[in-house]
Amino acid sequence: MRNTFVRHPSLVRVAAAAALTLGSVTLAQANPPAPPVSDGSSGSYSAQLGSSPGNYFFNSFNTDTGQGEGCESTACPWHVTIPFKVVKYNGQTVHEFNFTDINVQSFDVPMTIYGSTPALFLANQGISIAAPMHFLNGGGAGGADAPLTGSAPGGPGGGRGGATGGVGQAGETTGCGGNMVWTGSGGGGGGNYSAGQPGLTNFWPPAGAGTNPDYPPGPGGPALPRALLAGGGGAGGGGGNYAGNFYTTQGGQGGGAVVFGSTSTIDITSTGSVSTNGQPGQVQQASAGSGGGGAAGSVFFFASSGFTNEGLVSAQGGAGGTNTITTYEPDCQTYVTLPGPNGGNGSGGFVVVTAGTIANTGTINVGDGGGASASGGWVKYVGKVTRSGKIISRK
């Protein structure tokens, strides 16, 4: 029986060479462990998940079932099921796919990979990615709509870094013919490498009758350990009520988590990309707060020989929903458009490249949902770096 935790000698040497002291923690301890070596039992990825003789293309892959689905126009007539193993990696239960080689060709359509757990995509030959692959597997669910009642909070984001929903508003004002409303507050953004950003406080009209309530925004999801983790979901915005109608928003889903492991090389070409981005929060142009963005997930690359990236590796958080409120000025004669209760931005993710040589001439993006480093992620190289490339918004 194969020992699923056998390490390829070259990968062991790369990890051992990095075992320098970093405070009380060694870099070897801080780095993720090398994945198992592929046994090649699923054959060639390109043969299994490339284009079919009928010119159908796989555009989705479910890591829970191993089923790929190929579609053309509105029909999806072509399916294939890839076997997998349920293993432990870095303290987690993950699904392991064992290929001889992985060749995602440039004419393949973008593929979305989804499921409930992180995944290992392993090859005992080279890995080449020349088309987009977007991973949502294991990502925390976005916060659900608030209940259709007054003062309703938005649903919390799912996953370990899930954020907190915004608080709902209690009802309408009576000023200016009832046209001014209190709104719900924004939902928080999901967390991964950093904590997600909080939503914004609700808006209340300057000429409304009664007490102007301040509803607290949803806090961002917590920062997570530096491990292979999918992003936490963004939270739903606080519910709103206007003219007897209720309004709600949802948070964005967190990005997925994946390990690519090769006993040879990993190459991402200029047309290729690997994405574990979080999804944006929903926007409501009425009285509800907007949803928070989902946090990005994590992606690890392990290559015994070399890693090259000429394309894009993206672990960017999802943007919080941005809103505006149109209401009356205090004189009740003119309209004014004001910033609404936005959702918080999701955190960036964690990208680790471990290889004999590393040449990044493309882009690695780990920004938060606003494209900044305030709640950004991290990029870590372990090996000899010949080209560091463009790294966006590393925290």
Protein backbone atom coordinates (compact mmCIF):
# COMPACT_ATOMS: atom_id res chain seq x y z
CA MET A 1 0.00 0.00 0.00
CA ARG A 2 1.37 3.43 -0.92
CA ASN A 3 2.45 5.69 1.87
CA THR A 4 0.60 8.86 0.95
CA PHE A 5 3.01 11.00 2.92
CA VAL A 6 6.22 10.00 1.10
CA ARG A 7 8.07 13.11 -0.01
CA HIS A 8 9.99 13.44 -3.23
CA PRO A 9 13.71 13.80 -2.35
CA SER A 10 14.09 17.10 -4.22
CA LEU A 11 11.17 18.62 -2.35
CA VAL A 12 12.62 17.46 0.95
CA ARG A 13 15.96 19.08 0.11
CA VAL A 14 14.26 22.37 -0.77
CA ALA A 15 12.37 22.40 2.53
CA ALA A 16 15.43 21.38 4.53
CA ALA A 17 17.53 24.12 2.98
CA ALA A 18 15.05 26.67 4.31
CA ALA A 19 15.23 25.48 7.93
CA LEU A 20 16.65 28.72 9.31
CA THR A 21 15.60 30.20 12.61
CA LEU A 22 12.85 32.82 12.49
CA GLY A 23 12.37 33.91 16.10
CA SER A 24 11.14 30.88 17.98
CA VAL A 25 9.75 29.29 14.80
CA THR A 26 11.86 27.84 12.01
CA LEU A 27 11.10 28.58 8.40
CA ALA A 28 10.72 24.85 7.87
CA GLN A 29 7.94 24.86 10.45
CA ALA A 30 6.39 28.00 8.99
CA ASN A 31 6.36 26.58 5.46
CA PRO A 32 3.61 24.16 4.43
CA PRO A 33 4.68 20.54 4.05
CA ALA A 34 5.40 19.00 0.67
CA PRO A 35 2.43 17.08 -0.71
CA PRO A 36 2.42 13.36 -1.52
CA VAL A 37 3.97 12.20 -4.79
CA SER A 38 1.40 11.37 -7.47
CA ASP A 39 0.97 7.68 -8.25
CA GLY A 40 -0.36 8.58 -11.71
CA SER A 41 -3.49 6.48 -11.21
CA SER A 42 -5.79 8.95 -13.00
CA GLY A 43 -3.64 9.17 -16.12
CA SER A 44 -3.16 12.40 -18.04
CA TYR A 45 -5.21 15.41 -17.02
CA SER A 46 -5.25 16.68 -20.61
CA ALA A 47 -6.65 13.36 -21.84
CA GLN A 48 -9.28 13.27 -19.09
CA LEU A 49 -10.29 16.93 -18.91
CA GLY A 50 -9.29 18.43 -22.25
CA SER A 51 -11.57 18.97 -25.24
CA SER A 52 -13.60 16.03 -26.47
CA PRO A 53 -13.73 14.70 -30.02
CA GLY A 54 -17.05 16.51 -30.38
CA ASN A 55 -15.40 19.85 -29.52
CA TYR A 56 -16.99 20.05 -26.11
CA PHE A 57 -14.92 21.61 -23.35
CA PHE A 58 -14.95 21.02 -19.64
CA ASN A 59 -15.94 24.20 -17.85
CA SER A 60 -16.53 22.88 -14.34
CA PHE A 61 -15.07 20.28 -12.04
CA ASN A 62 -16.50 19.08 -8.71
CA THR A 63 -13.80 17.99 -6.25
CA ASP A 64 -16.42 16.31 -4.03
CA THR A 65 -17.44 13.82 -6.73
CA GLY A 66 -14.52 14.02 -9.17
CA GLN A 67 -16.96 14.82 -11.96
CA GLY A 68 -16.07 17.18 -14.78
CA GLU A 69 -18.80 18.65 -16.94
CA GLY A 70 -18.34 19.69 -20.56
CA CYS A 71 -20.74 22.16 -22.13
CA GLU A 72 -21.45 23.70 -25.49
CA SER A 73 -24.04 26.44 -25.82
CA THR A 74 -26.82 25.53 -23.33
CA ALA A 75 -26.21 21.77 -23.28
CA CYS A 76 -23.74 19.89 -21.07
CA PRO A 77 -23.70 16.41 -22.60
CA TRP A 78 -20.18 15.30 -21.76
CA HIS A 79 -19.14 14.06 -18.33
CA VAL A 80 -16.16 12.26 -16.91
CA THR A 81 -15.41 11.13 -13.36
CA ILE A 82 -11.85 11.25 -12.03
CA PRO A 83 -11.08 9.02 -9.01
CA PHE A 84 -9.61 10.64 -5.92
CA LYS A 85 -8.33 9.73 -2.48
CA VAL A 86 -9.38 11.24 0.82
CA VAL A 87 -6.18 12.05 2.71
CA LYS A 88 -4.87 14.25 5.48
CA TYR A 89 -2.67 17.17 4.47
CA ASN A 90 -1.42 19.86 6.80
CA GLY A 91 -3.94 18.79 9.44
CA GLN A 92 -6.92 18.85 7.10
CA THR A 93 -9.00 16.33 5.20
CA VAL A 94 -8.56 17.00 1.49
CA HIS A 95 -9.27 15.26 -1.82
CA GLU A 96 -6.17 14.11 -3.71
CA PHE A 97 -6.16 13.76 -7.51
CA ASN A 98 -3.23 11.77 -8.97
CA PHE A 99 -2.28 12.45 -12.60
CA THR A 100 0.69 11.49 -14.73
CA ASP A 101 0.79 15.06 -16.09
CA ILE A 102 -1.41 18.14 -16.03
CA ASN A 103 -1.68 20.04 -19.31
CA VAL A 104 -4.37 22.73 -19.38
CA GLN A 105 -4.21 23.87 -22.98
CA SER A 106 -4.68 27.43 -24.20
CA PHE A 107 -7.81 26.59 -26.19
CA ASP A 108 -9.55 25.09 -23.16
CA VAL A 109 -12.33 27.28 -21.80
CA PRO A 110 -12.04 28.77 -18.30
CA MET A 111 -12.82 26.14 -15.68
CA THR A 112 -14.43 26.64 -12.28
CA ILE A 113 -13.41 24.09 -9.64
CA TYR A 114 -15.84 23.79 -6.75
CA GLY A 115 -16.59 21.48 -3.83
CA SER A 116 -16.58 21.45 -0.03
CA THR A 117 -12.87 20.80 0.69
CA PRO A 118 -9.41 21.90 -0.45
CA ALA A 119 -7.82 19.70 -3.11
CA LEU A 120 -4.41 18.38 -4.18
CA PHE A 121 -3.71 18.33 -7.94
CA LEU A 122 -0.62 16.14 -8.26
CA ALA A 123 1.47 15.00 -11.25
CA ASN A 124 4.51 12.73 -11.49
CA GLN A 125 5.54 14.64 -14.62
CA GLY A 126 5.18 18.31 -15.52
CA ILE A 127 2.30 20.71 -14.96
CA SER A 128 1.46 23.32 -17.63
CA ILE A 129 -1.44 25.77 -17.24
CA ALA A 130 -2.30 27.85 -20.33
CA ALA A 131 -5.98 28.62 -19.62
CA PRO A 132 -7.83 30.07 -16.62
CA MET A 133 -8.60 27.86 -13.62
CA HIS A 134 -10.75 29.37 -10.89
CA PHE A 135 -10.96 27.57 -7.53
CA LEU A 136 -13.94 27.98 -5.21
CA ASN A 137 -13.58 24.58 -3.51
CA GLY A 138 -13.86 24.79 0.25
CA GLY A 139 -14.68 28.50 0.24
CA GLY A 140 -16.96 29.75 2.99
CA ALA A 141 -20.52 30.47 1.89
CA GLY A 142 -21.60 34.09 1.64
CA GLY A 143 -23.95 35.33 4.33
CA ALA A 144 -27.61 34.84 3.48
CA ASP A 145 -30.33 37.43 3.21
CA ALA A 146 -31.66 39.02 6.36
CA PRO A 147 -35.15 37.88 7.41
CA LEU A 148 -37.89 40.03 5.90
CA THR A 149 -38.66 41.79 9.17
CA GLY A 150 -37.67 45.08 10.74
CA SER A 151 -34.35 45.30 12.61
CA ALA A 152 -33.09 42.15 10.89
CA PRO A 153 -29.34 41.42 10.85
CA GLY A 154 -27.76 40.01 7.72
CA GLY A 155 -26.60 36.40 7.76
CA PRO A 156 -23.00 35.67 8.84
CA GLY A 157 -20.45 34.48 6.32
CA GLY A 158 -19.54 30.79 6.33
CA GLY A 159 -16.16 29.12 6.77
CA ARG A 160 -13.47 29.60 9.39
CA GLY A 161 -12.97 33.25 8.43
CA GLY A 162 -16.65 34.05 8.02
CA ALA A 163 -17.70 37.61 8.78
CA THR A 164 -20.56 39.09 10.79
CA GLY A 165 -23.74 40.46 9.23
CA GLY A 166 -24.81 44.06 9.38
CA VAL A 167 -27.64 45.13 11.65
CA GLY A 168 -31.03 45.89 10.09
CA GLN A 169 -33.00 49.07 10.32
CA ALA A 170 -36.22 49.37 12.28
CA GLY A 171 -38.42 51.17 9.78
CA GLU A 172 -39.14 54.31 7.87
CA THR A 173 -38.91 57.94 8.85
CA THR A 174 -41.94 60.17 8.61
CA GLY A 175 -40.24 63.30 7.24
CA CYS A 176 -40.80 64.57 3.70
CA GLY A 177 -43.78 62.37 3.01
CA GLY A 178 -42.04 59.23 4.23
CA ASN A 179 -39.49 59.34 1.44
CA MET A 180 -36.48 59.28 3.71
CA VAL A 181 -35.46 55.98 5.22
CA TRP A 182 -33.06 54.56 7.73
CA THR A 183 -30.90 51.90 6.19
CA GLY A 184 -29.28 48.75 7.47
CA SER A 185 -25.53 48.67 8.02
CA GLY A 186 -23.05 46.85 5.79
CA GLY A 187 -21.90 43.26 6.30
CA GLY A 188 -18.27 42.50 7.15
CA GLY A 189 -15.75 41.07 4.68
CA GLY A 190 -14.41 37.53 5.07
CA GLY A 191 -10.99 36.81 6.57
CA ASN A 192 -7.98 34.72 5.51
CA TYR A 193 -4.39 35.95 5.76
CA SER A 194 -5.70 39.20 7.25
CA ALA A 195 -8.91 40.04 9.02
CA GLY A 196 -11.66 41.16 6.67
CA GLN A 197 -12.72 44.77 6.73
CA PRO A 198 -15.87 45.84 8.59
CA GLY A 199 -18.92 47.17 6.82
CA LEU A 200 -20.07 50.76 7.13
CA THR A 201 -22.50 52.17 9.66
CA ASN A 202 -26.04 52.70 8.46
CA PHE A 203 -27.26 55.95 6.96
CA TRP A 204 -29.97 58.00 8.64
CA PRO A 205 -31.66 61.04 7.12
CA PRO A 206 -30.90 64.51 8.48
CA ALA A 207 -34.55 65.60 8.57
CA GLY A 208 -36.25 62.45 9.83
CA ALA A 209 -38.60 62.43 12.76
CA GLY A 210 -37.67 60.74 16.01
CA THR A 211 -34.29 59.43 17.12
CA ASN A 212 -31.67 58.77 14.47
CA PRO A 213 -30.38 55.26 15.20
CA ASP A 214 -26.82 54.16 14.62
CA TYR A 215 -26.72 50.48 13.72
CA PRO A 216 -23.29 48.92 14.14
CA PRO A 217 -21.69 47.53 10.99
CA GLY A 218 -20.73 43.90 10.70
CA PRO A 219 -17.13 43.25 11.83
CA GLY A 220 -14.76 41.60 9.37
CA GLY A 221 -13.98 37.91 9.64
CA PRO A 222 -10.90 36.93 11.67
CA ALA A 223 -7.40 36.37 10.31
CA LEU A 224 -6.60 32.66 9.91
CA PRO A 225 -3.47 30.56 10.54
CA ARG A 226 -0.90 30.55 7.74
CA ALA A 227 -2.11 27.30 6.26
CA LEU A 228 -3.90 25.87 3.24
CA LEU A 229 -7.27 27.39 4.00
CA ALA A 230 -10.11 28.59 1.84
CA GLY A 231 -11.40 32.11 2.36
CA GLY A 232 -14.17 32.99 4.78
CA GLY A 233 -17.47 34.14 3.36
CA GLY A 234 -18.56 37.76 3.44
CA ALA A 235 -21.59 38.61 5.56
CA GLY A 236 -24.99 39.78 4.45
CA GLY A 237 -25.96 43.39 4.90
CA GLY A 238 -28.54 44.51 7.42
CA GLY A 239 -32.15 44.33 6.23
CA GLY A 240 -34.09 47.39 5.13
CA ASN A 241 -37.75 48.38 5.11
CA TYR A 242 -39.26 51.03 2.87
CA ALA A 243 -42.91 51.64 1.97
CA GLY A 244 -43.88 48.28 3.42
CA ASN A 245 -41.29 46.38 1.39
CA PHE A 246 -38.23 44.63 2.82
CA TYR A 247 -34.80 44.57 1.16
CA THR A 248 -31.81 42.37 1.86
CA THR A 249 -28.38 41.54 0.43
CA GLN A 250 -26.04 38.55 0.46
CA GLY A 251 -22.32 38.31 1.15
CA GLY A 252 -19.73 36.99 -1.30
CA GLN A 253 -18.41 33.42 -1.24
CA GLY A 254 -14.85 32.83 -0.12
CA GLY A 255 -12.23 31.61 -2.60
CA GLY A 256 -11.03 28.01 -2.72
CA ALA A 257 -7.81 26.27 -1.72
CA VAL A 258 -5.54 24.07 -3.86
CA VAL A 259 -2.07 22.49 -3.90
CA PHE A 260 -0.29 21.80 -7.20
CA GLY A 261 2.53 19.30 -6.80
CA SER A 262 4.93 18.09 -9.52
CA THR A 263 8.06 15.96 -9.44
CA SER A 264 9.21 17.99 -12.46
CA THR A 265 8.19 21.55 -13.39
CA ILE A 266 5.18 23.83 -13.01
CA ASP A 267 4.64 26.38 -15.79
CA ILE A 268 1.88 28.99 -15.99
CA THR A 269 1.98 30.50 -19.48
CA SER A 270 1.02 34.03 -20.52
CA THR A 271 -2.54 32.83 -21.30
CA GLY A 272 -2.88 30.84 -18.09
CA SER A 273 -4.08 31.78 -14.65
CA VAL A 274 -4.79 30.20 -11.28
CA SER A 275 -7.34 32.06 -9.18
CA THR A 276 -8.62 31.57 -5.65
CA ASN A 277 -10.36 34.94 -5.55
CA GLY A 278 -13.20 35.73 -3.17
CA GLN A 279 -16.52 36.81 -4.64
CA PRO A 280 -17.98 40.32 -4.31
CA GLY A 281 -20.76 41.22 -1.91
CA GLN A 282 -24.21 41.96 -3.24
CA VAL A 283 -25.37 45.54 -3.70
CA GLN A 284 -28.84 46.81 -2.85
CA GLN A 285 -29.75 50.28 -4.10
CA ALA A 286 -32.56 50.59 -1.59
CA SER A 287 -32.65 50.55 2.18
CA ALA A 288 -30.58 47.44 2.97
CA GLY A 289 -26.88 47.45 3.78
CA SER A 290 -24.61 45.92 1.13
CA GLY A 291 -22.97 42.52 1.55
CA GLY A 292 -19.34 41.96 2.49
CA GLY A 293 -16.84 40.48 0.06
CA GLY A 294 -15.57 36.94 0.47
CA ALA A 295 -11.91 36.42 1.37
CA ALA A 296 -9.51 34.87 -1.10
CA GLY A 297 -8.38 31.31 -0.60
CA SER A 298 -4.84 29.89 -0.70
CA VAL A 299 -2.73 28.22 -3.39
CA PHE A 300 0.53 26.29 -2.90
CA PHE A 301 2.90 25.26 -5.69
CA PHE A 302 5.52 22.53 -5.21
CA ALA A 303 7.91 21.68 -8.06
CA SER A 304 11.01 19.50 -7.69
CA SER A 305 12.71 21.31 -10.55
CA GLY A 306 11.47 24.75 -11.57
CA PHE A 307 8.43 27.01 -11.26
CA THR A 308 7.70 29.66 -13.88
CA ASN A 309 4.80 32.09 -14.07
CA GLU A 310 4.28 34.25 -17.15
CA GLY A 311 0.56 34.69 -16.48
CA LEU A 312 -1.47 35.39 -13.36
CA VAL A 313 -1.77 33.87 -9.92
CA SER A 314 -4.55 35.67 -8.08
CA ALA A 315 -5.66 35.28 -4.47
CA GLN A 316 -7.50 38.59 -4.16
CA GLY A 317 -10.36 39.20 -1.77
CA GLY A 318 -13.83 40.03 -3.02
CA ALA A 319 -15.01 43.63 -2.99
CA GLY A 320 -17.65 44.66 -0.50
CA GLY A 321 -20.83 45.86 -2.13
CA THR A 322 -20.85 49.63 -2.67
CA ASN A 323 -24.08 51.50 -2.39
CA THR A 324 -25.60 54.95 -2.69
CA ILE A 325 -28.76 56.33 -1.11
CA THR A 326 -30.87 58.98 -2.79
CA THR A 327 -32.91 60.98 -0.30
CA TYR A 328 -34.17 64.48 0.39
CA GLU A 329 -32.09 67.34 1.72
CA PRO A 330 -33.26 68.72 5.08
CA ASP A 331 -35.38 71.34 3.26
CA CYS A 332 -37.41 68.48 1.75
CA GLN A 333 -37.24 70.20 -1.63
CA THR A 334 -34.18 68.71 -3.32
CA TYR A 335 -32.66 65.24 -3.65
CA VAL A 336 -29.15 64.36 -2.65
CA THR A 337 -27.17 61.18 -3.31
CA LEU A 338 -25.05 60.02 -0.40
CA PRO A 339 -22.68 57.08 0.15
CA GLY A 340 -24.64 54.09 1.35
CA PRO A 341 -23.76 51.43 3.92
CA ASN A 342 -21.10 49.52 2.00
CA GLY A 343 -20.01 46.00 2.80
CA GLY A 344 -16.44 45.36 3.96
CA ASN A 345 -13.74 44.09 1.61
CA GLY A 346 -12.58 40.49 1.91
CA SER A 347 -8.99 39.61 2.85
CA GLY A 348 -6.31 38.52 0.42
CA GLY A 349 -5.06 34.94 0.47
CA PHE A 350 -1.79 33.04 0.95
CA VAL A 351 0.41 32.02 -2.01
CA VAL A 352 3.44 29.76 -1.44
CA VAL A 353 5.87 28.67 -4.16
CA THR A 354 8.39 25.94 -3.26
CA ALA A 355 10.72 24.90 -6.08
CA GLY A 356 14.34 24.38 -7.02
CA THR A 357 14.25 27.59 -9.08
CA ILE A 358 11.53 30.23 -9.19
CA ALA A 359 11.04 32.59 -12.14
CA ASN A 360 8.01 34.86 -11.91
CA THR A 361 7.77 37.19 -14.90
CA GLY A 362 4.00 37.47 -14.57
CA THR A 363 1.80 38.77 -11.76
CA ILE A 364 0.79 37.49 -8.34
CA ASN A 365 -2.10 39.42 -6.82
CA VAL A 366 -2.96 39.05 -3.12
CA GLY A 367 -4.75 42.36 -2.58
CA ASP A 368 -7.89 42.78 -0.52
CA GLY A 369 -11.26 43.44 -2.11
CA GLY A 370 -10.34 47.06 -2.66
CA GLY A 371 -7.11 46.16 -4.44
CA ALA A 372 -5.02 47.39 -1.52
CA SER A 373 -2.73 45.82 1.08
CA ALA A 374 -4.69 46.98 4.14
CA SER A 375 -6.26 43.52 4.41
CA GLY A 376 -4.01 41.95 1.82
CA GLY A 377 -2.46 38.50 1.70
CA TRP A 378 1.08 37.17 1.46
CA VAL A 379 3.41 35.63 -1.12
CA LYS A 380 6.20 33.34 0.02
CA TYR A 381 9.03 31.92 -2.12
CA VAL A 382 11.03 28.90 -0.93
CA GLY A 383 13.90 28.13 -3.32
CA LYS A 384 16.31 29.99 -5.60
CA VAL A 385 14.51 33.04 -7.00
CA THR A 386 15.77 34.18 -10.41
CA ARG A 387 12.85 36.52 -11.19
CA SER A 388 10.51 37.76 -8.47
CA GLY A 389 7.95 39.34 -10.84
CA LYS A 390 5.13 41.71 -10.01
CA ILE A 391 3.45 41.16 -6.65
CA ILE A 392 0.35 43.26 -5.98
CA SER A 393 -0.70 44.44 -2.53
CA ARG A 394 1.24 42.01 -0.36
CA LYS A 395 0.62 42.86 3.28
